[in-house]
Amino acid sequence: MPFEYQIEKELVSVRGFGESSLHECIEALHVVMSDSDYQEHTPVIVDLSHISYTPSFHDLKEIGAISEELCQKFKSKIAVVVSGFLHFGLAKTLCGIIEIHGVKMNVFFREDTAKHWVHDA
């Protein structure tokens, strides 16, 4: 799996590297959610800026279908870090889907900006 994660008291960091797929992205989130140290009210930063994967329209529909399940486990802010404008736009679309379920999500080009946002009240 091209993902690693770190759970700290006030932040969960998930990072992707190299080639990936929708299945691997979803599996990485399930691994984090099932970790005994994970607390559902801890903010999450998902750094996809070093990953080689662009979701298709079908992938976005599939993410939308499972978003309610994911949002039941993630109760705090989710920040996504991306490297290009296409991924920024796709992540913004995902933000709209996720926010329907009451979870605040935003997309950024820089991790420091994402960290500031997740910790800002």
PDB file of N, CA and C in Angstrom:
ATOM      1  N   MET A   1       0.856  -1.179   0.000  1.00  0.00           N
ATOM      2  CA  MET A   1       0.000   0.000   0.000  1.00  0.00           C
ATOM      3  C   MET A   1       0.898   1.237   0.000  1.00  0.00           C
ATOM      4  N   PRO A   2       0.666   2.175  -0.894  1.00  0.00           N
ATOM      5  CA  PRO A   2       1.526   3.355  -0.966  1.00  0.00           C
ATOM      6  C   PRO A   2       1.134   4.451   0.030  1.00  0.00           C
ATOM      7  N   PHE A   3       0.650   4.080   1.199  1.00  0.00           N
ATOM      8  CA  PHE A   3       0.235   5.047   2.206  1.00  0.00           C
ATOM      9  C   PHE A   3       0.913   4.732   3.533  1.00  0.00           C
ATOM     10  N   GLU A   4       1.150   5.799   4.285  1.00  0.00           N
ATOM     11  CA  GLU A   4       1.587   5.662   5.660  1.00  0.00           C
ATOM     12  C   GLU A   4       0.777   6.656   6.475  1.00  0.00           C
ATOM     13  N   TYR A   5       0.650   6.386   7.747  1.00  0.00           N
ATOM     14  CA  TYR A   5      -0.107   7.314   8.592  1.00  0.00           C
ATOM     15  C   TYR A   5       0.526   7.402   9.964  1.00  0.00           C
ATOM     16  N   GLN A   6       0.218   8.521  10.615  1.00  0.00           N
ATOM     17  CA  GLN A   6       0.709   8.764  11.966  1.00  0.00           C
ATOM     18  C   GLN A   6      -0.440   9.357  12.766  1.00  0.00           C
ATOM     19  N   ILE A   7      -0.698   8.777  13.916  1.00  0.00           N
ATOM     20  CA  ILE A   7      -1.753   9.271  14.787  1.00  0.00           C
ATOM     21  C   ILE A   7      -1.111   9.927  15.998  1.00  0.00           C
ATOM     22  N   GLU A   8      -1.373  11.212  16.144  1.00  0.00           N
ATOM     23  CA  GLU A   8      -0.907  11.968  17.302  1.00  0.00           C
ATOM     24  C   GLU A   8      -2.134  12.402  18.093  1.00  0.00           C
ATOM     25  N   LYS A   9      -1.907  13.001  19.238  1.00  0.00           N
ATOM     26  CA  LYS A   9      -3.020  13.405  20.097  1.00  0.00           C
ATOM     27  C   LYS A   9      -3.951  14.401  19.407  1.00  0.00           C
ATOM     28  N   GLU A  10      -3.380  15.336  18.636  1.00  0.00           N
ATOM     29  CA  GLU A  10      -4.195  16.397  18.046  1.00  0.00           C
ATOM     30  C   GLU A  10      -4.238  16.393  16.529  1.00  0.00           C
ATOM     31  N   LEU A  11      -3.702  15.337  15.887  1.00  0.00           N
ATOM     32  CA  LEU A  11      -3.703  15.304  14.429  1.00  0.00           C
ATOM     33  C   LEU A  11      -3.428  13.899  13.914  1.00  0.00           C
ATOM     34  N   VAL A  12      -4.173  13.528  12.881  1.00  0.00           N
ATOM     35  CA  VAL A  12      -3.903  12.294  12.142  1.00  0.00           C
ATOM     36  C   VAL A  12      -3.365  12.712  10.782  1.00  0.00           C
ATOM     37  N   SER A  13      -2.207  12.194  10.407  1.00  0.00           N
ATOM     38  CA  SER A  13      -1.597  12.492   9.113  1.00  0.00           C
ATOM     39  C   SER A  13      -1.558  11.225   8.277  1.00  0.00           C
ATOM     40  N   VAL A  14      -2.106  11.323   7.061  1.00  0.00           N
ATOM     41  CA  VAL A  14      -2.083  10.215   6.112  1.00  0.00           C
ATOM     42  C   VAL A  14      -1.361  10.725   4.876  1.00  0.00           C
ATOM     43  N   ARG A  15      -0.344   9.977   4.411  1.00  0.00           N
ATOM     44  CA  ARG A  15       0.425  10.390   3.244  1.00  0.00           C
ATOM     45  C   ARG A  15       0.449   9.276   2.214  1.00  0.00           C
ATOM     46  N   GLY A  16       0.245   9.681   0.956  1.00  0.00           N
ATOM     47  CA  GLY A  16       0.313   8.732  -0.143  1.00  0.00           C
ATOM     48  C   GLY A  16       1.549   8.970  -0.982  1.00  0.00           C
ATOM     49  N   PHE A  17       2.092   7.892  -1.552  1.00  0.00           N
ATOM     50  CA  PHE A  17       3.296   7.978  -2.381  1.00  0.00           C
ATOM     51  C   PHE A  17       3.138   7.084  -3.601  1.00  0.00           C
ATOM     52  N   GLY A  18       3.585   7.557  -4.742  1.00  0.00           N
ATOM     53  CA  GLY A  18       3.659   6.723  -5.937  1.00  0.00           C
ATOM     54  C   GLY A  18       2.319   6.375  -6.552  1.00  0.00           C
ATOM     55  N   GLU A  19       2.319   5.266  -7.293  1.00  0.00           N
ATOM     56  CA  GLU A  19       1.116   4.792  -7.983  1.00  0.00           C
ATOM     57  C   GLU A  19       0.088   4.303  -6.966  1.00  0.00           C
ATOM     58  N   SER A  20      -1.186   4.567  -7.244  1.00  0.00           N
ATOM     59  CA  SER A  20      -2.240   4.124  -6.354  1.00  0.00           C
ATOM     60  C   SER A  20      -3.531   3.925  -7.139  1.00  0.00           C
ATOM     61  N   SER A  21      -4.587   3.593  -6.397  1.00  0.00           N
ATOM     62  CA  SER A  21      -5.909   3.388  -6.990  1.00  0.00           C
ATOM     63  C   SER A  21      -6.961   3.798  -5.969  1.00  0.00           C
ATOM     64  N   LEU A  22      -8.197   3.859  -6.413  1.00  0.00           N
ATOM     65  CA  LEU A  22      -9.290   4.176  -5.500  1.00  0.00           C
ATOM     66  C   LEU A  22      -9.344   3.158  -4.363  1.00  0.00           C
ATOM     67  N   HIS A  23      -9.218   1.891  -4.696  1.00  0.00           N
ATOM     68  CA  HIS A  23      -9.266   0.831  -3.678  1.00  0.00           C
ATOM     69  C   HIS A  23      -8.204   1.059  -2.601  1.00  0.00           C
ATOM     70  N   GLU A  24      -6.978   1.399  -3.002  1.00  0.00           N
ATOM     71  CA  GLU A  24      -5.907   1.618  -2.025  1.00  0.00           C
ATOM     72  C   GLU A  24      -6.158   2.860  -1.181  1.00  0.00           C
ATOM     73  N   CYS A  25      -6.720   3.900  -1.768  1.00  0.00           N
ATOM     74  CA  CYS A  25      -7.040   5.120  -1.006  1.00  0.00           C
ATOM     75  C   CYS A  25      -8.091   4.823   0.063  1.00  0.00           C
ATOM     76  N   ILE A  26      -9.133   4.098  -0.322  1.00  0.00           N
ATOM     77  CA  ILE A  26     -10.190   3.757   0.628  1.00  0.00           C
ATOM     78  C   ILE A  26      -9.658   2.811   1.699  1.00  0.00           C
ATOM     79  N   GLU A  27      -8.845   1.852   1.302  1.00  0.00           N
ATOM     80  CA  GLU A  27      -8.257   0.912   2.259  1.00  0.00           C
ATOM     81  C   GLU A  27      -7.400   1.661   3.287  1.00  0.00           C
ATOM     82  N   ALA A  28      -6.655   2.667   2.847  1.00  0.00           N
ATOM     83  CA  ALA A  28      -5.833   3.447   3.779  1.00  0.00           C
ATOM     84  C   ALA A  28      -6.702   4.125   4.834  1.00  0.00           C
ATOM     85  N   LEU A  29      -7.848   4.670   4.430  1.00  0.00           N
ATOM     86  CA  LEU A  29      -8.749   5.306   5.395  1.00  0.00           C
ATOM     87  C   LEU A  29      -9.329   4.284   6.360  1.00  0.00           C
ATOM     88  N   HIS A  30      -9.663   3.100   5.865  1.00  0.00           N
ATOM     89  CA  HIS A  30     -10.178   2.042   6.745  1.00  0.00           C
ATOM     90  C   HIS A  30      -9.118   1.587   7.748  1.00  0.00           C
ATOM     91  N   VAL A  31      -7.869   1.532   7.325  1.00  0.00           N
ATOM     92  CA  VAL A  31      -6.780   1.151   8.238  1.00  0.00           C
ATOM     93  C   VAL A  31      -6.673   2.167   9.369  1.00  0.00           C
ATOM     94  N   VAL A  32      -6.731   3.457   9.023  1.00  0.00           N
ATOM     95  CA  VAL A  32      -6.667   4.512  10.045  1.00  0.00           C
ATOM     96  C   VAL A  32      -7.856   4.392  10.994  1.00  0.00           C
ATOM     97  N   MET A  33      -9.057   4.241  10.435  1.00  0.00           N
ATOM     98  CA  MET A  33     -10.269   4.172  11.261  1.00  0.00           C
ATOM     99  C   MET A  33     -10.267   2.976  12.204  1.00  0.00           C
ATOM    100  N   SER A  34      -9.607   1.893  11.820  1.00  0.00           N
ATOM    101  CA  SER A  34      -9.608   0.696  12.666  1.00  0.00           C
ATOM    102  C   SER A  34      -8.448   0.671  13.660  1.00  0.00           C
ATOM    103  N   ASP A  35      -7.540   1.633  13.580  1.00  0.00           N
ATOM    104  CA  ASP A  35      -6.423   1.699  14.521  1.00  0.00           C
ATOM    105  C   ASP A  35      -6.962   2.063  15.905  1.00  0.00           C
ATOM    106  N   SER A  36      -6.548   1.344  16.907  1.00  0.00           N
ATOM    107  CA  SER A  36      -7.056   1.574  18.266  1.00  0.00           C
ATOM    108  C   SER A  36      -6.686   2.945  18.822  1.00  0.00           C
ATOM    109  N   ASP A  37      -5.659   3.585  18.282  1.00  0.00           N
ATOM    110  CA  ASP A  37      -5.266   4.918  18.742  1.00  0.00           C
ATOM    111  C   ASP A  37      -6.080   6.037  18.088  1.00  0.00           C
ATOM    112  N   TYR A  38      -6.828   5.716  17.040  1.00  0.00           N
ATOM    113  CA  TYR A  38      -7.592   6.740  16.322  1.00  0.00           C
ATOM    114  C   TYR A  38      -8.803   7.189  17.131  1.00  0.00           C
ATOM    115  N   GLN A  39      -8.983   8.492  17.240  1.00  0.00           N
ATOM    116  CA  GLN A  39     -10.148   9.097  17.886  1.00  0.00           C
ATOM    117  C   GLN A  39     -10.916   9.870  16.823  1.00  0.00           C
ATOM    118  N   GLU A  40     -12.212   9.627  16.709  1.00  0.00           N
ATOM    119  CA  GLU A  40     -12.998  10.186  15.600  1.00  0.00           C
ATOM    120  C   GLU A  40     -13.088  11.712  15.591  1.00  0.00           C
ATOM    121  N   HIS A  41     -12.774  12.369  16.696  1.00  0.00           N
ATOM    122  CA  HIS A  41     -12.836  13.834  16.721  1.00  0.00           C
ATOM    123  C   HIS A  41     -11.466  14.485  16.500  1.00  0.00           C
ATOM    124  N   THR A  42     -10.483  13.712  16.095  1.00  0.00           N
ATOM    125  CA  THR A  42      -9.152  14.236  15.797  1.00  0.00           C
ATOM    126  C   THR A  42      -9.107  14.682  14.332  1.00  0.00           C
ATOM    127  N   PRO A  43      -8.649  15.915  14.063  1.00  0.00           N
ATOM    128  CA  PRO A  43      -8.548  16.375  12.673  1.00  0.00           C
ATOM    129  C   PRO A  43      -7.612  15.484  11.854  1.00  0.00           C
ATOM    130  N   VAL A  44      -7.890  15.406  10.553  1.00  0.00           N
ATOM    131  CA  VAL A  44      -7.135  14.548   9.650  1.00  0.00           C
ATOM    132  C   VAL A  44      -6.583  15.369   8.490  1.00  0.00           C
ATOM    133  N   ILE A  45      -5.306  15.164   8.180  1.00  0.00           N
ATOM    134  CA  ILE A  45      -4.707  15.719   6.961  1.00  0.00           C
ATOM    135  C   ILE A  45      -4.321  14.544   6.073  1.00  0.00           C
ATOM    136  N   VAL A  46      -4.846  14.552   4.851  1.00  0.00           N
ATOM    137  CA  VAL A  46      -4.527  13.525   3.864  1.00  0.00           C
ATOM    138  C   VAL A  46      -3.677  14.187   2.794  1.00  0.00           C
ATOM    139  N   ASP A  47      -2.397  13.842   2.745  1.00  0.00           N
ATOM    140  CA  ASP A  47      -1.467  14.437   1.787  1.00  0.00           C
ATOM    141  C   ASP A  47      -1.362  13.534   0.561  1.00  0.00           C
ATOM    142  N   LEU A  48      -1.953  13.988  -0.526  1.00  0.00           N
ATOM    143  CA  LEU A  48      -1.933  13.243  -1.785  1.00  0.00           C
ATOM    144  C   LEU A  48      -1.027  13.914  -2.814  1.00  0.00           C
ATOM    145  N   SER A  49      -0.188  14.832  -2.359  1.00  0.00           N
ATOM    146  CA  SER A  49       0.616  15.621  -3.294  1.00  0.00           C
ATOM    147  C   SER A  49       1.727  14.816  -3.968  1.00  0.00           C
ATOM    148  N   HIS A  50       2.024  13.624  -3.455  1.00  0.00           N
ATOM    149  CA  HIS A  50       3.087  12.791  -4.046  1.00  0.00           C
ATOM    150  C   HIS A  50       2.535  11.471  -4.589  1.00  0.00           C
ATOM    151  N   ILE A  51       1.257  11.465  -4.887  1.00  0.00           N
ATOM    152  CA  ILE A  51       0.625  10.242  -5.369  1.00  0.00           C
ATOM    153  C   ILE A  51       0.334  10.364  -6.867  1.00  0.00           C
ATOM    154  N   SER A  52       0.415   9.253  -7.564  1.00  0.00           N
ATOM    155  CA  SER A  52       0.126   9.213  -9.003  1.00  0.00           C
ATOM    156  C   SER A  52      -1.206   8.507  -9.211  1.00  0.00           C
ATOM    157  N   TYR A  53      -2.273   9.248  -9.012  1.00  0.00           N
ATOM    158  CA  TYR A  53      -3.615   8.700  -9.199  1.00  0.00           C
ATOM    159  C   TYR A  53      -4.560   9.861  -9.443  1.00  0.00           C
ATOM    160  N   THR A  54      -5.358   9.754 -10.484  1.00  0.00           N
ATOM    161  CA  THR A  54      -6.390  10.737 -10.763  1.00  0.00           C
ATOM    162  C   THR A  54      -7.713   9.989 -10.836  1.00  0.00           C
ATOM    163  N   PRO A  55      -8.637  10.290  -9.921  1.00  0.00           N
ATOM    164  CA  PRO A  55      -9.905   9.561  -9.924  1.00  0.00           C
ATOM    165  C   PRO A  55     -10.722   9.848 -11.181  1.00  0.00           C
ATOM    166  N   SER A  56     -11.388   8.829 -11.672  1.00  0.00           N
ATOM    167  CA  SER A  56     -12.292   8.976 -12.810  1.00  0.00           C
ATOM    168  C   SER A  56     -13.653   9.454 -12.295  1.00  0.00           C
ATOM    169  N   PHE A  57     -14.550   9.777 -13.207  1.00  0.00           N
ATOM    170  CA  PHE A  57     -15.904  10.148 -12.821  1.00  0.00           C
ATOM    171  C   PHE A  57     -16.557   8.991 -12.058  1.00  0.00           C
ATOM    172  N   HIS A  58     -16.348   7.770 -12.523  1.00  0.00           N
ATOM    173  CA  HIS A  58     -16.878   6.593 -11.844  1.00  0.00           C
ATOM    174  C   HIS A  58     -16.336   6.499 -10.409  1.00  0.00           C
ATOM    175  N   ASP A  59     -15.031   6.792 -10.239  1.00  0.00           N
ATOM    176  CA  ASP A  59     -14.428   6.769  -8.904  1.00  0.00           C
ATOM    177  C   ASP A  59     -15.090   7.787  -7.988  1.00  0.00           C
ATOM    178  N   LEU A  60     -15.361   8.985  -8.507  1.00  0.00           N
ATOM    179  CA  LEU A  60     -16.014  10.016  -7.689  1.00  0.00           C
ATOM    180  C   LEU A  60     -17.408   9.565  -7.267  1.00  0.00           C
ATOM    181  N   LYS A  61     -18.129   8.913  -8.169  1.00  0.00           N
ATOM    182  CA  LYS A  61     -19.450   8.393  -7.815  1.00  0.00           C
ATOM    183  C   LYS A  61     -19.332   7.331  -6.728  1.00  0.00           C
ATOM    184  N   GLU A  62     -18.319   6.487  -6.822  1.00  0.00           N
ATOM    185  CA  GLU A  62     -18.120   5.443  -5.812  1.00  0.00           C
ATOM    186  C   GLU A  62     -17.757   6.065  -4.462  1.00  0.00           C
ATOM    187  N   ILE A  63     -16.924   7.098  -4.479  1.00  0.00           N
ATOM    188  CA  ILE A  63     -16.582   7.800  -3.240  1.00  0.00           C
ATOM    189  C   ILE A  63     -17.843   8.407  -2.634  1.00  0.00           C
ATOM    190  N   GLY A  64     -18.682   8.977  -3.473  1.00  0.00           N
ATOM    191  CA  GLY A  64     -19.947   9.538  -2.993  1.00  0.00           C
ATOM    192  C   GLY A  64     -20.817   8.483  -2.339  1.00  0.00           C
ATOM    193  N   ALA A  65     -20.805   7.279  -2.898  1.00  0.00           N
ATOM    194  CA  ALA A  65     -21.632   6.200  -2.360  1.00  0.00           C
ATOM    195  C   ALA A  65     -21.154   5.740  -0.989  1.00  0.00           C
ATOM    196  N   ILE A  66     -19.861   5.793  -0.728  1.00  0.00           N
ATOM    197  CA  ILE A  66     -19.350   5.332   0.571  1.00  0.00           C
ATOM    198  C   ILE A  66     -19.066   6.485   1.532  1.00  0.00           C
ATOM    199  N   SER A  67     -19.318   7.713   1.088  1.00  0.00           N
ATOM    200  CA  SER A  67     -18.963   8.872   1.910  1.00  0.00           C
ATOM    201  C   SER A  67     -19.727   8.910   3.234  1.00  0.00           C
ATOM    202  N   GLU A  68     -20.968   8.470   3.241  1.00  0.00           N
ATOM    203  CA  GLU A  68     -21.725   8.490   4.493  1.00  0.00           C
ATOM    204  C   GLU A  68     -21.074   7.571   5.529  1.00  0.00           C
ATOM    205  N   GLU A  69     -20.650   6.388   5.087  1.00  0.00           N
ATOM    206  CA  GLU A  69     -19.967   5.453   5.992  1.00  0.00           C
ATOM    207  C   GLU A  69     -18.680   6.073   6.535  1.00  0.00           C
ATOM    208  N   LEU A  70     -17.889   6.691   5.649  1.00  0.00           N
ATOM    209  CA  LEU A  70     -16.634   7.309   6.081  1.00  0.00           C
ATOM    210  C   LEU A  70     -16.890   8.455   7.050  1.00  0.00           C
ATOM    211  N   CYS A  71     -17.920   9.242   6.788  1.00  0.00           N
ATOM    212  CA  CYS A  71     -18.199  10.404   7.637  1.00  0.00           C
ATOM    213  C   CYS A  71     -18.702  10.008   9.019  1.00  0.00           C
ATOM    214  N   GLN A  72     -19.199   8.799   9.164  1.00  0.00           N
ATOM    215  CA  GLN A  72     -19.594   8.335  10.490  1.00  0.00           C
ATOM    216  C   GLN A  72     -18.380   8.084  11.369  1.00  0.00           C
ATOM    217  N   LYS A  73     -17.215   7.887  10.767  1.00  0.00           N
ATOM    218  CA  LYS A  73     -15.981   7.616  11.510  1.00  0.00           C
ATOM    219  C   LYS A  73     -15.094   8.853  11.649  1.00  0.00           C
ATOM    220  N   PHE A  74     -15.241   9.803  10.749  1.00  0.00           N
ATOM    221  CA  PHE A  74     -14.442  11.030  10.788  1.00  0.00           C
ATOM    222  C   PHE A  74     -15.361  12.174  11.198  1.00  0.00           C
ATOM    223  N   LYS A  75     -15.254  12.616  12.444  1.00  0.00           N
ATOM    224  CA  LYS A  75     -16.159  13.640  12.972  1.00  0.00           C
ATOM    225  C   LYS A  75     -15.521  15.023  13.037  1.00  0.00           C
ATOM    226  N   SER A  76     -14.261  15.126  12.677  1.00  0.00           N
ATOM    227  CA  SER A  76     -13.572  16.407  12.730  1.00  0.00           C
ATOM    228  C   SER A  76     -13.253  16.872  11.315  1.00  0.00           C
ATOM    229  N   LYS A  77     -12.519  17.950  11.213  1.00  0.00           N
ATOM    230  CA  LYS A  77     -12.147  18.480   9.905  1.00  0.00           C
ATOM    231  C   LYS A  77     -11.196  17.538   9.178  1.00  0.00           C
ATOM    232  N   ILE A  78     -11.347  17.510   7.855  1.00  0.00           N
ATOM    233  CA  ILE A  78     -10.446  16.750   6.997  1.00  0.00           C
ATOM    234  C   ILE A  78      -9.839  17.725   5.997  1.00  0.00           C
ATOM    235  N   ALA A  79      -8.519  17.798   5.965  1.00  0.00           N
ATOM    236  CA  ALA A  79      -7.811  18.632   4.992  1.00  0.00           C
ATOM    237  C   ALA A  79      -7.100  17.716   4.004  1.00  0.00           C
ATOM    238  N   VAL A  80      -7.203  18.046   2.723  1.00  0.00           N
ATOM    239  CA  VAL A  80      -6.539  17.268   1.684  1.00  0.00           C
ATOM    240  C   VAL A  80      -5.499  18.165   1.026  1.00  0.00           C
ATOM    241  N   VAL A  81      -4.267  17.663   0.926  1.00  0.00           N
ATOM    242  CA  VAL A  81      -3.175  18.410   0.284  1.00  0.00           C
ATOM    243  C   VAL A  81      -2.927  17.764  -1.080  1.00  0.00           C
ATOM    244  N   VAL A  82      -2.932  18.600  -2.122  1.00  0.00           N
ATOM    245  CA  VAL A  82      -2.734  18.119  -3.490  1.00  0.00           C
ATOM    246  C   VAL A  82      -1.631  18.934  -4.165  1.00  0.00           C
ATOM    247  N   SER A  83      -1.228  18.491  -5.357  1.00  0.00           N
ATOM    248  CA  SER A  83      -0.117  19.170  -6.026  1.00  0.00           C
ATOM    249  C   SER A  83      -0.499  19.890  -7.307  1.00  0.00           C
ATOM    250  N   GLY A  84      -1.670  19.674  -7.847  1.00  0.00           N
ATOM    251  CA  GLY A  84      -2.009  20.304  -9.125  1.00  0.00           C
ATOM    252  C   GLY A  84      -3.448  20.779  -9.163  1.00  0.00           C
ATOM    253  N   PHE A  85      -3.742  21.581 -10.184  1.00  0.00           N
ATOM    254  CA  PHE A  85      -5.076  22.172 -10.288  1.00  0.00           C
ATOM    255  C   PHE A  85      -6.165  21.141 -10.567  1.00  0.00           C
ATOM    256  N   LEU A  86      -5.871  20.096 -11.358  1.00  0.00           N
ATOM    257  CA  LEU A  86      -6.868  19.056 -11.619  1.00  0.00           C
ATOM    258  C   LEU A  86      -7.240  18.358 -10.319  1.00  0.00           C
ATOM    259  N   HIS A  87      -6.241  17.964  -9.538  1.00  0.00           N
ATOM    260  CA  HIS A  87      -6.517  17.309  -8.259  1.00  0.00           C
ATOM    261  C   HIS A  87      -7.209  18.263  -7.284  1.00  0.00           C
ATOM    262  N   PHE A  88      -6.866  19.541  -7.358  1.00  0.00           N
ATOM    263  CA  PHE A  88      -7.526  20.532  -6.510  1.00  0.00           C
ATOM    264  C   PHE A  88      -9.020  20.562  -6.825  1.00  0.00           C
ATOM    265  N   GLY A  89      -9.358  20.630  -8.110  1.00  0.00           N
ATOM    266  CA  GLY A  89     -10.758  20.672  -8.521  1.00  0.00           C
ATOM    267  C   GLY A  89     -11.518  19.407  -8.146  1.00  0.00           C
ATOM    268  N   LEU A  90     -10.887  18.261  -8.350  1.00  0.00           N
ATOM    269  CA  LEU A  90     -11.531  16.995  -7.987  1.00  0.00           C
ATOM    270  C   LEU A  90     -11.740  16.895  -6.479  1.00  0.00           C
ATOM    271  N   ALA A  91     -10.743  17.348  -5.714  1.00  0.00           N
ATOM    272  CA  ALA A  91     -10.869  17.318  -4.247  1.00  0.00           C
ATOM    273  C   ALA A  91     -11.957  18.283  -3.783  1.00  0.00           C
ATOM    274  N   LYS A  92     -12.101  19.423  -4.447  1.00  0.00           N
ATOM    275  CA  LYS A  92     -13.168  20.363  -4.095  1.00  0.00           C
ATOM    276  C   LYS A  92     -14.538  19.741  -4.343  1.00  0.00           C
ATOM    277  N   THR A  93     -14.660  18.962  -5.411  1.00  0.00           N
ATOM    278  CA  THR A  93     -15.906  18.247  -5.676  1.00  0.00           C
ATOM    279  C   THR A  93     -16.192  17.271  -4.543  1.00  0.00           C
ATOM    280  N   LEU A  94     -15.164  16.550  -4.120  1.00  0.00           N
ATOM    281  CA  LEU A  94     -15.299  15.618  -3.004  1.00  0.00           C
ATOM    282  C   LEU A  94     -15.688  16.358  -1.723  1.00  0.00           C
ATOM    283  N   CYS A  95     -15.156  17.555  -1.518  1.00  0.00           N
ATOM    284  CA  CYS A  95     -15.515  18.358  -0.334  1.00  0.00           C
ATOM    285  C   CYS A  95     -17.025  18.565  -0.269  1.00  0.00           C
ATOM    286  N   GLY A  96     -17.619  18.899  -1.416  1.00  0.00           N
ATOM    287  CA  GLY A  96     -19.064  19.111  -1.456  1.00  0.00           C
ATOM    288  C   GLY A  96     -19.835  17.862  -1.082  1.00  0.00           C
ATOM    289  N   ILE A  97     -19.369  16.711  -1.564  1.00  0.00           N
ATOM    290  CA  ILE A  97     -20.028  15.440  -1.245  1.00  0.00           C
ATOM    291  C   ILE A  97     -19.905  15.141   0.249  1.00  0.00           C
ATOM    292  N   ILE A  98     -18.711  15.318   0.794  1.00  0.00           N
ATOM    293  CA  ILE A  98     -18.458  15.013   2.208  1.00  0.00           C
ATOM    294  C   ILE A  98     -19.239  15.953   3.123  1.00  0.00           C
ATOM    295  N   GLU A  99     -19.294  17.224   2.768  1.00  0.00           N
ATOM    296  CA  GLU A  99     -19.956  18.202   3.628  1.00  0.00           C
ATOM    297  C   GLU A  99     -21.461  17.982   3.710  1.00  0.00           C
ATOM    298  N   ILE A 100     -22.041  17.290   2.728  1.00  0.00           N
ATOM    299  CA  ILE A 100     -23.458  16.924   2.804  1.00  0.00           C
ATOM    300  C   ILE A 100     -23.717  16.096   4.065  1.00  0.00           C
ATOM    301  N   HIS A 101     -22.715  15.334   4.474  1.00  0.00           N
ATOM    302  CA  HIS A 101     -22.844  14.447   5.640  1.00  0.00           C
ATOM    303  C   HIS A 101     -22.357  15.106   6.933  1.00  0.00           C
ATOM    304  N   GLY A 102     -22.108  16.419   6.893  1.00  0.00           N
ATOM    305  CA  GLY A 102     -21.796  17.167   8.102  1.00  0.00           C
ATOM    306  C   GLY A 102     -20.336  17.217   8.509  1.00  0.00           C
ATOM    307  N   VAL A 103     -19.432  16.760   7.652  1.00  0.00           N
ATOM    308  CA  VAL A 103     -18.003  16.808   7.965  1.00  0.00           C
ATOM    309  C   VAL A 103     -17.367  17.926   7.145  1.00  0.00           C
ATOM    310  N   LYS A 104     -16.621  18.796   7.825  1.00  0.00           N
ATOM    311  CA  LYS A 104     -15.945  19.892   7.125  1.00  0.00           C
ATOM    312  C   LYS A 104     -14.685  19.370   6.459  1.00  0.00           C
ATOM    313  N   MET A 105     -14.563  19.678   5.172  1.00  0.00           N
ATOM    314  CA  MET A 105     -13.400  19.238   4.407  1.00  0.00           C
ATOM    315  C   MET A 105     -12.970  20.387   3.515  1.00  0.00           C
ATOM    316  N   ASN A 106     -11.652  20.530   3.353  1.00  0.00           N
ATOM    317  CA  ASN A 106     -11.125  21.568   2.473  1.00  0.00           C
ATOM    318  C   ASN A 106      -9.866  21.041   1.804  1.00  0.00           C
ATOM    319  N   VAL A 107      -9.458  21.708   0.735  1.00  0.00           N
ATOM    320  CA  VAL A 107      -8.312  21.258  -0.046  1.00  0.00           C
ATOM    321  C   VAL A 107      -7.267  22.378  -0.104  1.00  0.00           C
ATOM    322  N   PHE A 108      -5.998  21.976  -0.081  1.00  0.00           N
ATOM    323  CA  PHE A 108      -4.887  22.926  -0.008  1.00  0.00           C
ATOM    324  C   PHE A 108      -3.730  22.455  -0.886  1.00  0.00           C
ATOM    325  N   PHE A 109      -2.871  23.407  -1.238  1.00  0.00           N
ATOM    326  CA  PHE A 109      -1.640  23.073  -1.951  1.00  0.00           C
ATOM    327  C   PHE A 109      -0.460  22.886  -1.000  1.00  0.00           C
ATOM    328  N   ARG A 110      -0.590  23.403   0.239  1.00  0.00           N
ATOM    329  CA  ARG A 110       0.525  23.332   1.196  1.00  0.00           C
ATOM    330  C   ARG A 110       0.056  22.722   2.515  1.00  0.00           C
ATOM    331  N   GLU A 111       0.906  21.877   3.086  1.00  0.00           N
ATOM    332  CA  GLU A 111       0.555  21.201   4.333  1.00  0.00           C
ATOM    333  C   GLU A 111       0.462  22.185   5.506  1.00  0.00           C
ATOM    334  N   ASP A 112       1.320  23.194   5.550  1.00  0.00           N
ATOM    335  CA  ASP A 112       1.263  24.139   6.664  1.00  0.00           C
ATOM    336  C   ASP A 112      -0.061  24.902   6.682  1.00  0.00           C
ATOM    337  N   THR A 113      -0.583  25.234   5.512  1.00  0.00           N
ATOM    338  CA  THR A 113      -1.878  25.903   5.426  1.00  0.00           C
ATOM    339  C   THR A 113      -2.991  24.955   5.866  1.00  0.00           C
ATOM    340  N   ALA A 114      -2.889  23.687   5.490  1.00  0.00           N
ATOM    341  CA  ALA A 114      -3.868  22.684   5.897  1.00  0.00           C
ATOM    342  C   ALA A 114      -3.861  22.513   7.407  1.00  0.00           C
ATOM    343  N   LYS A 115      -2.680  22.443   8.015  1.00  0.00           N
ATOM    344  CA  LYS A 115      -2.594  22.301   9.475  1.00  0.00           C
ATOM    345  C   LYS A 115      -3.227  23.484  10.186  1.00  0.00           C
ATOM    346  N   HIS A 116      -2.971  24.682   9.678  1.00  0.00           N
ATOM    347  CA  HIS A 116      -3.565  25.874  10.275  1.00  0.00           C
ATOM    348  C   HIS A 116      -5.095  25.785  10.215  1.00  0.00           C
ATOM    349  N   TRP A 117      -5.639  25.360   9.082  1.00  0.00           N
ATOM    350  CA  TRP A 117      -7.090  25.275   8.903  1.00  0.00           C
ATOM    351  C   TRP A 117      -7.706  24.242   9.837  1.00  0.00           C
ATOM    352  N   VAL A 118      -7.122  23.059   9.958  1.00  0.00           N
ATOM    353  CA  VAL A 118      -7.741  22.028  10.799  1.00  0.00           C
ATOM    354  C   VAL A 118      -7.730  22.394  12.275  1.00  0.00           C
ATOM    355  N   HIS A 119      -6.773  23.221  12.688  1.00  0.00           N
ATOM    356  CA  HIS A 119      -6.692  23.605  14.090  1.00  0.00           C
ATOM    357  C   HIS A 119      -7.384  24.934  14.393  1.00  0.00           C
ATOM    358  N   ASP A 120      -7.819  25.639  13.361  1.00  0.00           N
ATOM    359  CA  ASP A 120      -8.531  26.906  13.534  1.00  0.00           C
ATOM    360  C   ASP A 120      -9.979  26.607  13.897  1.00  0.00           C
ATOM    361  N   ALA A 121     -10.477  27.271  14.925  1.00  0.00           N
ATOM    362  CA  ALA A 121     -11.861  27.025  15.385  1.00  0.00           C
ATOM    363  C   ALA A 121     -12.860  27.506  14.451  1.00  0.00           C
TER     364      ALA A 121
END
